[in-house]
Amino acid sequence: TADLFGFLTTTPNAEVRAVHPKAMPAILTEPTEWETWLSAPWSEAKALQRPLSDGALRIVLRGEKEDTVVPATL
């Protein structure tokens, strides 16, 4: 079996827009939202594709970041 993951994105809220103006992940914060996403028909679940309210996130670090490149091994 394979574990597969995906991200549903939406327009950014104020905090994310400052660092990434194109999009942010849709973030579900309440158990009722989780249940809706997992069980409800798409007509209901798609309403969860919205940004968090402005002020709901806090930026804790800013600055340049560079990931270390690890050569692929075959």
C-alpha atoms as a PDB file:
ATOM      1  CA  THR A   1       0.000   0.000   0.000  1.00  0.00           C
ATOM      2  CA  ALA A   2       1.001   3.617  -0.405  1.00  0.00           C
ATOM      3  CA  ASP A   3       0.307   6.497   1.930  1.00  0.00           C
ATOM      4  CA  LEU A   4      -0.969   9.391  -0.157  1.00  0.00           C
ATOM      5  CA  PHE A   5      -1.409  12.974   0.949  1.00  0.00           C
ATOM      6  CA  GLY A   6      -2.744  16.121  -0.621  1.00  0.00           C
ATOM      7  CA  PHE A   7      -3.379  19.738   0.281  1.00  0.00           C
ATOM      8  CA  LEU A   8      -6.484  21.740  -0.442  1.00  0.00           C
ATOM      9  CA  THR A   9      -5.534  25.394  -0.865  1.00  0.00           C
ATOM     10  CA  THR A  10      -7.445  28.636  -0.697  1.00  0.00           C
ATOM     11  CA  THR A  11      -6.767  32.351  -0.804  1.00  0.00           C
ATOM     12  CA  PRO A  12      -4.330  33.479   1.909  1.00  0.00           C
ATOM     13  CA  ASN A  13      -5.354  35.291   5.063  1.00  0.00           C
ATOM     14  CA  ALA A  14      -3.493  38.450   6.163  1.00  0.00           C
ATOM     15  CA  GLU A  15      -0.649  36.625   7.944  1.00  0.00           C
ATOM     16  CA  VAL A  16       0.093  34.196   5.112  1.00  0.00           C
ATOM     17  CA  ARG A  17      -0.389  36.820   2.396  1.00  0.00           C
ATOM     18  CA  ALA A  18       2.627  38.701   3.799  1.00  0.00           C
ATOM     19  CA  VAL A  19       4.918  35.756   2.926  1.00  0.00           C
ATOM     20  CA  HIS A  20       2.970  33.924   0.205  1.00  0.00           C
ATOM     21  CA  PRO A  21       0.410  36.012  -1.684  1.00  0.00           C
ATOM     22  CA  LYS A  22      -0.859  33.207  -3.922  1.00  0.00           C
ATOM     23  CA  ALA A  23      -2.420  30.643  -1.574  1.00  0.00           C
ATOM     24  CA  MET A  24      -2.488  28.934   1.804  1.00  0.00           C
ATOM     25  CA  PRO A  25      -3.649  25.491   2.879  1.00  0.00           C
ATOM     26  CA  ALA A  26      -7.233  25.188   4.011  1.00  0.00           C
ATOM     27  CA  ILE A  27      -6.866  24.505   7.754  1.00  0.00           C
ATOM     28  CA  LEU A  28      -9.579  22.692   9.687  1.00  0.00           C
ATOM     29  CA  THR A  29      -9.474  23.549  13.398  1.00  0.00           C
ATOM     30  CA  GLU A  30     -12.685  22.103  14.840  1.00  0.00           C
ATOM     31  CA  PRO A  31     -13.805  18.469  15.230  1.00  0.00           C
ATOM     32  CA  THR A  32     -17.055  19.286  13.420  1.00  0.00           C
ATOM     33  CA  GLU A  33     -15.010  20.514  10.443  1.00  0.00           C
ATOM     34  CA  TRP A  34     -12.960  17.303  10.421  1.00  0.00           C
ATOM     35  CA  GLU A  35     -16.132  15.208  10.430  1.00  0.00           C
ATOM     36  CA  THR A  36     -17.679  17.301   7.659  1.00  0.00           C
ATOM     37  CA  TRP A  37     -14.538  16.965   5.532  1.00  0.00           C
ATOM     38  CA  LEU A  38     -14.362  13.196   6.009  1.00  0.00           C
ATOM     39  CA  SER A  39     -18.054  12.311   5.820  1.00  0.00           C
ATOM     40  CA  ALA A  40     -20.250  14.991   4.282  1.00  0.00           C
ATOM     41  CA  PRO A  41     -21.217  15.257   0.624  1.00  0.00           C
ATOM     42  CA  TRP A  42     -18.963  17.525  -1.459  1.00  0.00           C
ATOM     43  CA  SER A  43     -21.716  20.153  -1.659  1.00  0.00           C
ATOM     44  CA  GLU A  44     -21.277  20.642   2.110  1.00  0.00           C
ATOM     45  CA  ALA A  45     -17.554  19.849   2.494  1.00  0.00           C
ATOM     46  CA  LYS A  46     -16.428  22.350  -0.163  1.00  0.00           C
ATOM     47  CA  ALA A  47     -17.505  25.216   2.114  1.00  0.00           C
ATOM     48  CA  LEU A  48     -14.430  24.368   4.221  1.00  0.00           C
ATOM     49  CA  GLN A  49     -12.159  25.623   1.432  1.00  0.00           C
ATOM     50  CA  ARG A  50     -11.698  29.070   2.940  1.00  0.00           C
ATOM     51  CA  PRO A  51      -8.859  30.920   4.655  1.00  0.00           C
ATOM     52  CA  LEU A  52      -8.594  31.109   8.408  1.00  0.00           C
ATOM     53  CA  SER A  53      -9.768  34.403   9.846  1.00  0.00           C
ATOM     54  CA  ASP A  54      -7.182  37.168   9.900  1.00  0.00           C
ATOM     55  CA  GLY A  55      -5.372  36.982  13.236  1.00  0.00           C
ATOM     56  CA  ALA A  56      -5.876  33.217  13.655  1.00  0.00           C
ATOM     57  CA  LEU A  57      -2.217  32.462  12.827  1.00  0.00           C
ATOM     58  CA  ARG A  58       0.923  33.886  14.376  1.00  0.00           C
ATOM     59  CA  ILE A  59       4.193  34.227  12.463  1.00  0.00           C
ATOM     60  CA  VAL A  60       6.939  33.058  14.840  1.00  0.00           C
ATOM     61  CA  LEU A  61      10.009  33.358  12.596  1.00  0.00           C
ATOM     62  CA  ARG A  62      10.922  35.414   9.558  1.00  0.00           C
ATOM     63  CA  GLY A  63      14.070  35.491   7.517  1.00  0.00           C
ATOM     64  CA  GLU A  64      15.984  33.698   4.821  1.00  0.00           C
ATOM     65  CA  LYS A  65      15.858  29.920   4.919  1.00  0.00           C
ATOM     66  CA  GLU A  66      17.660  27.512   2.683  1.00  0.00           C
ATOM     67  CA  ASP A  67      16.967  23.791   2.728  1.00  0.00           C
ATOM     68  CA  THR A  68      19.967  21.529   2.438  1.00  0.00           C
ATOM     69  CA  VAL A  69      19.991  19.717  -0.896  1.00  0.00           C
ATOM     70  CA  VAL A  70      20.491  15.991  -0.481  1.00  0.00           C
ATOM     71  CA  PRO A  71      21.541  14.143  -3.648  1.00  0.00           C
ATOM     72  CA  ALA A  72      19.046  11.516  -4.780  1.00  0.00           C
ATOM     73  CA  THR A  73      20.176   7.922  -4.492  1.00  0.00           C
ATOM     74  CA  LEU A  74      18.936   5.288  -6.875  1.00  0.00           C
END
